[in-house]
Amino acid sequence: MNLFASPDTMATNPTLAVLGFKRQLVYHLHIWAFIAVAPLIVVQWQQANLLLAALLILFFVNAALVVVLLRLRGVYFLKGRLFPILAVICAAYSTSINGHAGLYWAYPAAIALFFLLPLREAIACNIVFVGVMAVVSFLKFPEADFWRITFSLGLSCLFAMIFAWLVGRLQQELTRLATTDPLTGCLNRSQLADILNGQIQMRERYERVSSLVLIDLDYFKTINDRWGHLAGDRVLKEMTGRLRKRLRESDKLFRIGGEEFMVVLPETRQKDADTLAHQLLTSISARPFLDDIKLTASASVAEVYQGETWSVWLNRADQALYEAKARGRNQVINAPRPSRDPDEPLIDLTSPVADNGVTP
């Protein structure tokens, strides 16, 4: 992924947006590390601390590579693994030979780890970091300073860890809110293109078929008009629960309109998707909602074919759903192959759901 993704791409894909912001944070932190370390190399070289100068040069080169590769290729060099190793070594060695002048750099380095690494890795690295600095402080400074340094560095890491954890939870919650329908908990349109493109890639690369099912509730407006929108919302939530009971964990359920839903079925042929679609419609019509609201639905099924884009695939299913509505509703229509003759009729699967022999 390009580090500097377009605003339109980030707005339509919250997951990419979060990843993009993380990479920008990594990018700018390494720029500042690059700037901060450069004069230290000169200082340590002039003071004849050649080993420390060499370690700082490695730190400098690592920061430069991260910045350049993120900018040009969107690649995180070694996923930031060199930063904690070099930070621990440089801070510990600098403290051992320069005293407090080296110790001051341990604090920003320890905190930066929580912004550059996954949380668990950052915690592990900081435990090692604090342990190493405690040993160096014990050998270098008076006992009182040793305890001050160990506890202050440990508390700084603890506060940074809590902050990083809260930010991570906030990112997860914001992503969930941006990618799911608040009423039903189904995925929303922000994830539609990515998931359909993923199934198309599986079809193109590995010959793994996928199908999708569009479901539209029949005469749903009458429910809102007669029983009110609150009842309509409760029906949608209960209907979603019925659908989920029929789906596998790998299946993806979307709400793509007011009363229109889509199910993406990986590793599923059109014939099997048609069987499932009948079962789903039966689960909707088998018993009333809210004790006395009877409801049916129409559905279409479309298998993805090689060379299709996600919009073409979805459009075929949409046209078949329109046909199901036109033929009287409460039925399943299979979308034709994309290369069919324009005069070729749709595959006729118009038997009412109540007569298809599938038990609820």
Protein backbone atom coordinates (compact mmCIF):
# COMPACT_ATOMS: atom_id res chain seq x y z
CA MET A 1 0.00 0.00 0.00
CA ASN A 2 1.20 3.48 -0.83
CA LEU A 3 2.13 5.37 2.31
CA PHE A 4 0.48 8.50 1.03
CA ALA A 5 -2.85 7.08 -0.17
CA SER A 6 -5.35 9.40 -1.73
CA PRO A 7 -7.97 10.93 0.59
CA ASP A 8 -10.75 9.30 -1.45
CA THR A 9 -9.24 5.83 -0.99
CA MET A 10 -8.75 6.35 2.74
CA ALA A 11 -12.27 7.71 3.15
CA THR A 12 -13.84 4.65 1.50
CA ASN A 13 -11.65 2.10 3.28
CA PRO A 14 -11.24 2.74 7.02
CA THR A 15 -8.80 -0.15 7.42
CA LEU A 16 -6.46 1.37 4.86
CA ALA A 17 -6.94 4.75 6.50
CA VAL A 18 -5.75 3.45 9.89
CA LEU A 19 -2.81 1.67 8.25
CA GLY A 20 -1.95 4.82 6.32
CA PHE A 21 -1.92 6.97 9.46
CA LYS A 22 0.27 4.42 11.26
CA ARG A 23 2.78 4.46 8.44
CA GLN A 24 2.84 8.23 8.36
CA LEU A 25 3.55 8.19 12.11
CA VAL A 26 6.40 5.72 11.57
CA TYR A 27 7.68 7.88 8.71
CA HIS A 28 7.81 11.09 10.75
CA LEU A 29 9.27 9.43 13.85
CA HIS A 30 12.15 8.07 11.80
CA ILE A 31 12.70 11.47 10.18
CA TRP A 32 13.08 13.06 13.61
CA ALA A 33 15.30 10.19 14.79
CA PHE A 34 17.41 10.75 11.67
CA ILE A 35 17.72 14.47 12.46
CA ALA A 36 18.43 13.95 16.18
CA VAL A 37 21.10 11.28 15.72
CA ALA A 38 23.11 13.06 13.01
CA PRO A 39 24.82 15.63 15.31
CA LEU A 40 25.38 12.97 18.01
CA ILE A 41 27.53 11.00 15.58
CA VAL A 42 29.82 13.99 15.15
CA VAL A 43 29.97 14.66 18.91
CA GLN A 44 30.83 11.07 19.81
CA TRP A 45 33.39 10.86 17.04
CA GLN A 46 35.10 14.03 18.28
CA GLN A 47 35.14 12.60 21.81
CA ALA A 48 36.86 9.48 20.48
CA ASN A 49 33.90 7.24 21.36
CA LEU A 50 34.32 5.38 18.09
CA LEU A 51 32.20 2.32 18.94
CA LEU A 52 29.26 4.49 20.00
CA ALA A 53 29.71 6.63 16.89
CA ALA A 54 29.58 3.45 14.76
CA LEU A 55 26.40 2.28 16.52
CA LEU A 56 24.80 5.69 15.96
CA ILE A 57 25.77 5.50 12.29
CA LEU A 58 23.87 2.17 12.06
CA PHE A 59 20.90 3.83 13.78
CA PHE A 60 21.17 6.75 11.33
CA VAL A 61 21.32 4.44 8.28
CA ASN A 62 18.35 2.39 9.54
CA ALA A 63 16.25 5.54 9.96
CA ALA A 64 17.25 6.73 6.49
CA LEU A 65 16.32 3.37 4.90
CA VAL A 66 12.93 3.34 6.64
CA VAL A 67 12.16 6.87 5.44
CA VAL A 68 13.30 6.28 1.85
CA LEU A 69 11.57 2.91 1.41
CA LEU A 70 8.32 4.16 2.94
CA ARG A 71 8.38 7.22 0.72
CA LEU A 72 9.28 5.47 -2.53
CA ARG A 73 7.80 1.99 -2.18
CA GLY A 74 5.48 2.02 0.81
CA VAL A 75 7.61 -0.74 2.43
CA TYR A 76 8.43 -0.69 6.16
CA PHE A 77 12.11 -1.74 6.24
CA LEU A 78 12.44 -4.87 8.39
CA LYS A 79 9.15 -3.77 9.99
CA GLY A 80 11.03 -1.54 12.41
CA ARG A 81 12.83 -4.44 14.11
CA LEU A 82 16.24 -2.74 14.04
CA PHE A 83 15.03 0.35 15.90
CA PRO A 84 14.52 -1.33 19.33
CA ILE A 85 17.74 -3.33 19.07
CA LEU A 86 19.85 -0.31 18.22
CA ALA A 87 18.00 1.91 20.71
CA VAL A 88 18.70 -0.47 23.61
CA ILE A 89 22.34 -0.93 22.67
CA CYS A 90 23.03 2.76 22.01
CA ALA A 91 21.24 4.04 25.14
CA ALA A 92 22.85 1.43 27.41
CA TYR A 93 26.35 1.89 26.02
CA SER A 94 26.07 5.69 25.95
CA THR A 95 24.94 5.70 29.59
CA SER A 96 27.82 3.43 30.58
CA ILE A 97 30.44 5.77 29.10
CA ASN A 98 28.72 9.19 29.24
CA GLY A 99 26.68 8.91 32.43
CA HIS A 100 23.52 11.00 32.64
CA ALA A 101 24.17 12.54 29.21
CA GLY A 102 23.50 9.14 27.64
CA LEU A 103 20.66 8.26 30.00
CA TYR A 104 18.47 11.12 28.77
CA TRP A 105 18.05 9.42 25.39
CA ALA A 106 16.63 6.24 26.92
CA TYR A 107 13.28 7.86 27.70
CA PRO A 108 12.23 9.00 24.19
CA ALA A 109 13.60 5.75 22.73
CA ALA A 110 11.53 3.61 25.09
CA ILE A 111 8.35 5.61 24.44
CA ALA A 112 8.89 5.56 20.66
CA LEU A 113 8.80 1.75 20.65
CA PHE A 114 5.06 1.82 21.43
CA PHE A 115 4.45 3.83 18.26
CA LEU A 116 6.71 1.75 16.01
CA LEU A 117 5.98 -1.85 17.01
CA PRO A 118 2.90 -3.97 17.71
CA LEU A 119 1.88 -3.62 21.35
CA ARG A 120 3.07 -7.03 22.53
CA GLU A 121 6.44 -6.63 20.85
CA ALA A 122 6.80 -3.12 22.27
CA ILE A 123 6.06 -4.40 25.79
CA ALA A 124 8.61 -7.21 25.45
CA CYS A 125 11.26 -4.83 24.08
CA ASN A 126 10.66 -2.33 26.85
CA ILE A 127 10.93 -4.99 29.55
CA VAL A 128 14.35 -5.86 28.15
CA PHE A 129 15.16 -2.14 27.76
CA VAL A 130 14.30 -1.28 31.38
CA GLY A 131 16.18 -4.36 32.62
CA VAL A 132 19.32 -3.47 30.70
CA MET A 133 19.17 0.18 31.80
CA ALA A 134 18.65 -0.92 35.41
CA VAL A 135 21.81 -3.03 35.29
CA VAL A 136 23.82 -0.21 33.71
CA SER A 137 22.44 2.31 36.23
CA PHE A 138 23.27 0.01 39.14
CA LEU A 139 26.88 -0.28 37.96
CA LYS A 140 27.30 3.37 36.95
CA PHE A 141 25.39 5.48 39.49
CA PRO A 142 24.85 5.63 43.28
CA GLU A 143 22.10 3.42 44.67
CA ALA A 144 19.66 6.32 45.11
CA ASP A 145 20.08 7.29 41.44
CA PHE A 146 19.68 3.66 40.39
CA TRP A 147 16.24 3.46 42.03
CA ARG A 148 15.16 6.83 40.61
CA ILE A 149 16.24 5.90 37.11
CA THR A 150 14.69 2.43 37.18
CA PHE A 151 11.32 3.56 38.52
CA SER A 152 11.08 6.70 36.38
CA LEU A 153 11.95 4.80 33.19
CA GLY A 154 9.60 1.96 34.14
CA LEU A 155 6.74 4.38 34.85
CA SER A 156 7.36 6.20 31.57
CA CYS A 157 7.08 2.88 29.73
CA LEU A 158 3.94 1.96 31.69
CA PHE A 159 2.20 5.24 30.85
CA ALA A 160 3.21 4.95 27.19
CA MET A 161 1.92 1.36 27.11
CA ILE A 162 -1.47 2.39 28.54
CA PHE A 163 -1.74 5.24 26.04
CA ALA A 164 -0.80 2.95 23.11
CA TRP A 165 -3.33 0.35 24.26
CA LEU A 166 -6.10 2.95 24.48
CA VAL A 167 -5.23 4.32 21.05
CA GLY A 168 -5.31 0.79 19.63
CA ARG A 169 -8.72 0.12 21.16
CA LEU A 170 -9.97 3.44 19.81
CA GLN A 171 -8.74 2.58 16.32
CA GLN A 172 -10.47 -0.80 16.46
CA GLU A 173 -13.73 0.77 17.62
CA LEU A 174 -13.61 3.52 14.99
CA THR A 175 -12.91 0.94 12.29
CA ARG A 176 -15.82 -1.18 13.52
CA LEU A 177 -18.16 1.79 13.51
CA ALA A 178 -17.03 2.82 10.04
CA THR A 179 -17.35 -0.67 8.52
CA THR A 180 -20.55 -2.01 10.05
CA ASP A 181 -24.21 -1.07 9.94
CA PRO A 182 -25.14 0.32 13.39
CA LEU A 183 -28.61 -1.26 13.42
CA THR A 184 -27.90 -4.83 12.31
CA GLY A 185 -24.15 -5.19 12.82
CA CYS A 186 -23.72 -6.30 9.19
CA LEU A 187 -20.84 -5.04 7.10
CA ASN A 188 -21.61 -1.90 5.13
CA ARG A 189 -20.65 -0.64 1.67
CA SER A 190 -17.23 0.61 2.78
CA GLN A 191 -15.94 -2.98 2.72
CA LEU A 192 -17.88 -4.18 -0.31
CA ALA A 193 -15.34 -3.48 -3.06
CA ASP A 194 -12.40 -4.91 -1.08
CA ILE A 195 -14.16 -8.17 -0.20
CA LEU A 196 -15.54 -8.72 -3.70
CA ASN A 197 -12.14 -7.93 -5.23
CA GLY A 198 -10.57 -10.42 -2.83
CA GLN A 199 -12.90 -13.16 -4.09
CA ILE A 200 -12.17 -12.18 -7.70
CA GLN A 201 -8.44 -12.52 -7.05
CA MET A 202 -8.97 -15.97 -5.58
CA ARG A 203 -10.88 -16.88 -8.75
CA GLU A 204 -8.21 -15.50 -11.07
CA ARG A 205 -5.17 -16.90 -9.26
CA TYR A 206 -6.34 -20.19 -7.77
CA GLU A 207 -9.52 -21.09 -9.69
CA ARG A 208 -11.53 -20.87 -6.45
CA VAL A 209 -15.11 -19.97 -7.16
CA SER A 210 -17.26 -17.66 -5.09
CA SER A 211 -20.89 -16.63 -5.26
CA LEU A 212 -23.00 -13.88 -3.85
CA VAL A 213 -26.65 -13.73 -2.86
CA LEU A 214 -28.71 -10.55 -2.91
CA ILE A 215 -31.79 -10.52 -0.65
CA ASP A 216 -34.48 -7.85 -0.71
CA LEU A 217 -37.45 -7.91 1.67
CA ASP A 218 -40.83 -7.82 -0.08
CA TYR A 219 -43.17 -4.89 0.62
CA PHE A 220 -41.08 -3.79 3.61
CA LYS A 221 -42.42 -0.26 3.36
CA THR A 222 -45.83 -1.46 4.45
CA ILE A 223 -44.32 -2.60 7.77
CA ASN A 224 -43.00 0.88 8.47
CA ASP A 225 -46.30 2.43 7.41
CA ARG A 226 -48.50 0.09 9.46
CA TRP A 227 -46.42 -0.72 12.55
CA GLY A 228 -43.92 2.16 12.57
CA HIS A 229 -40.21 2.50 11.94
CA LEU A 230 -39.29 1.11 15.37
CA ALA A 231 -41.04 -2.14 14.51
CA GLY A 232 -39.32 -2.11 11.13
CA ASP A 233 -35.93 -1.81 12.81
CA ARG A 234 -36.72 -4.69 15.14
CA VAL A 235 -37.74 -6.82 12.16
CA LEU A 236 -34.45 -6.05 10.39
CA LYS A 237 -32.44 -7.02 13.48
CA GLU A 238 -34.35 -10.28 13.95
CA MET A 239 -34.13 -11.08 10.26
CA THR A 240 -30.36 -10.55 10.35
CA GLY A 241 -30.12 -13.00 13.25
CA ARG A 242 -32.03 -15.62 11.27
CA LEU A 243 -29.72 -15.20 8.29
CA ARG A 244 -26.57 -15.50 10.40
CA LYS A 245 -27.72 -18.84 11.81
CA ARG A 246 -27.60 -20.24 8.26
CA LEU A 247 -24.18 -18.85 7.34
CA ARG A 248 -20.65 -20.12 7.83
CA GLU A 249 -18.03 -18.15 9.71
CA SER A 250 -16.25 -17.40 6.42
CA ASP A 251 -19.39 -15.95 4.80
CA LYS A 252 -19.79 -12.16 4.77
CA LEU A 253 -23.17 -10.53 5.41
CA PHE A 254 -23.70 -6.96 4.19
CA ARG A 255 -26.54 -4.51 4.54
CA ILE A 256 -26.32 -2.51 1.31
CA GLY A 257 -29.63 -0.68 1.43
CA GLY A 258 -32.64 -0.05 3.62
CA GLU A 259 -34.01 -3.59 3.34
CA GLU A 260 -31.48 -5.06 0.91
CA PHE A 261 -28.76 -7.45 2.05
CA MET A 262 -25.90 -9.28 0.38
CA VAL A 263 -24.14 -12.50 1.35
CA VAL A 264 -20.67 -13.25 -0.07
CA LEU A 265 -20.00 -16.99 -0.15
CA PRO A 266 -16.35 -18.02 -0.63
CA GLU A 267 -15.64 -21.46 -2.14
CA THR A 268 -19.27 -21.81 -3.23
CA ARG A 269 -20.67 -22.74 -6.65
CA GLN A 270 -23.81 -21.09 -7.94
CA LYS A 271 -25.81 -24.29 -7.51
CA ASP A 272 -24.92 -24.50 -3.81
CA ALA A 273 -25.50 -20.79 -3.37
CA ASP A 274 -28.96 -21.22 -4.89
CA THR A 275 -29.76 -23.93 -2.34
CA LEU A 276 -28.63 -21.66 0.47
CA ALA A 277 -30.63 -18.74 -0.94
CA HIS A 278 -33.81 -20.83 -0.80
CA GLN A 279 -33.01 -21.78 2.78
CA LEU A 280 -32.47 -18.14 3.71
CA LEU A 281 -35.78 -17.07 2.20
CA THR A 282 -37.51 -19.94 3.97
CA SER A 283 -36.01 -18.86 7.31
CA ILE A 284 -37.49 -15.40 6.73
CA SER A 285 -40.98 -16.53 5.78
CA ALA A 286 -41.25 -19.60 8.04
CA ARG A 287 -42.61 -17.76 11.07
CA PRO A 288 -43.90 -14.24 11.80
CA PHE A 289 -41.76 -11.44 13.17
CA LEU A 290 -42.78 -9.74 16.40
CA ASP A 291 -45.54 -12.36 16.77
CA ASP A 292 -47.77 -11.19 13.92
CA ILE A 293 -45.73 -9.57 11.12
CA LYS A 294 -45.41 -11.96 8.19
CA LEU A 295 -42.64 -11.28 5.72
CA THR A 296 -41.20 -12.74 2.53
CA ALA A 297 -38.14 -11.85 0.49
CA SER A 298 -36.76 -12.13 -3.03
CA ALA A 299 -33.23 -13.17 -3.87
CA SER A 300 -30.73 -13.53 -6.67
CA VAL A 301 -27.59 -15.63 -6.98
CA ALA A 302 -24.47 -14.92 -9.04
CA GLU A 303 -21.20 -16.84 -9.31
CA VAL A 304 -18.11 -14.85 -10.23
CA TYR A 305 -16.48 -15.60 -13.58
CA GLN A 306 -12.96 -14.93 -14.77
CA GLY A 307 -12.39 -11.48 -16.18
CA GLU A 308 -15.23 -9.87 -14.25
CA THR A 309 -14.87 -6.76 -12.15
CA TRP A 310 -16.71 -6.59 -8.85
CA SER A 311 -19.16 -4.04 -10.24
CA VAL A 312 -20.07 -6.29 -13.19
CA TRP A 313 -20.49 -9.26 -10.86
CA LEU A 314 -22.73 -7.27 -8.53
CA ASN A 315 -24.69 -5.79 -11.43
CA ARG A 316 -25.54 -9.25 -12.78
CA ALA A 317 -26.90 -10.20 -9.36
CA ASP A 318 -28.81 -6.92 -9.16
CA GLN A 319 -30.45 -7.49 -12.54
CA ALA A 320 -31.47 -10.99 -11.47
CA LEU A 321 -32.96 -9.59 -8.26
CA TYR A 322 -34.96 -7.09 -10.30
CA GLU A 323 -36.22 -10.03 -12.35
CA ALA A 324 -37.28 -11.88 -9.18
CA LYS A 325 -39.27 -8.82 -8.10
CA ALA A 326 -40.87 -8.51 -11.53
CA ARG A 327 -41.93 -12.16 -11.56
CA GLY A 328 -43.92 -11.90 -8.36
CA ARG A 329 -41.40 -11.83 -5.49
CA ASN A 330 -40.78 -14.54 -2.87
CA GLN A 331 -38.45 -16.49 -5.19
CA VAL A 332 -34.82 -16.94 -6.25
CA ILE A 333 -33.44 -16.08 -9.68
CA ASN A 334 -29.98 -17.17 -10.80
CA ALA A 335 -27.97 -14.59 -12.75
CA PRO A 336 -26.87 -15.77 -16.21
CA ARG A 337 -23.26 -16.11 -17.28
CA PRO A 338 -21.77 -12.77 -18.34
CA SER A 339 -21.07 -13.95 -21.92
CA ARG A 340 -24.63 -15.01 -22.66
CA ASP A 341 -26.50 -14.02 -25.78
CA PRO A 342 -28.62 -10.88 -25.19
CA ASP A 343 -31.80 -12.80 -26.13
CA GLU A 344 -31.06 -15.73 -23.82
CA PRO A 345 -33.60 -15.84 -20.97
CA LEU A 346 -32.61 -15.88 -17.31
CA ILE A 347 -32.40 -19.28 -15.66
CA ASP A 348 -35.91 -19.81 -14.41
CA LEU A 349 -36.02 -20.78 -10.74
CA THR A 350 -39.37 -19.21 -9.99
CA SER A 351 -40.92 -21.79 -7.71
CA PRO A 352 -42.25 -20.09 -4.56
CA VAL A 353 -40.11 -20.58 -1.50
CA ALA A 354 -42.93 -22.31 0.32
CA ASP A 355 -42.87 -25.07 -2.34
CA ASN A 356 -39.13 -25.66 -2.62
CA GLY A 357 -39.03 -28.47 -0.12
CA VAL A 358 -36.39 -26.88 2.11
CA THR A 359 -37.23 -27.04 5.77
CA PRO A 360 -36.63 -23.96 7.95
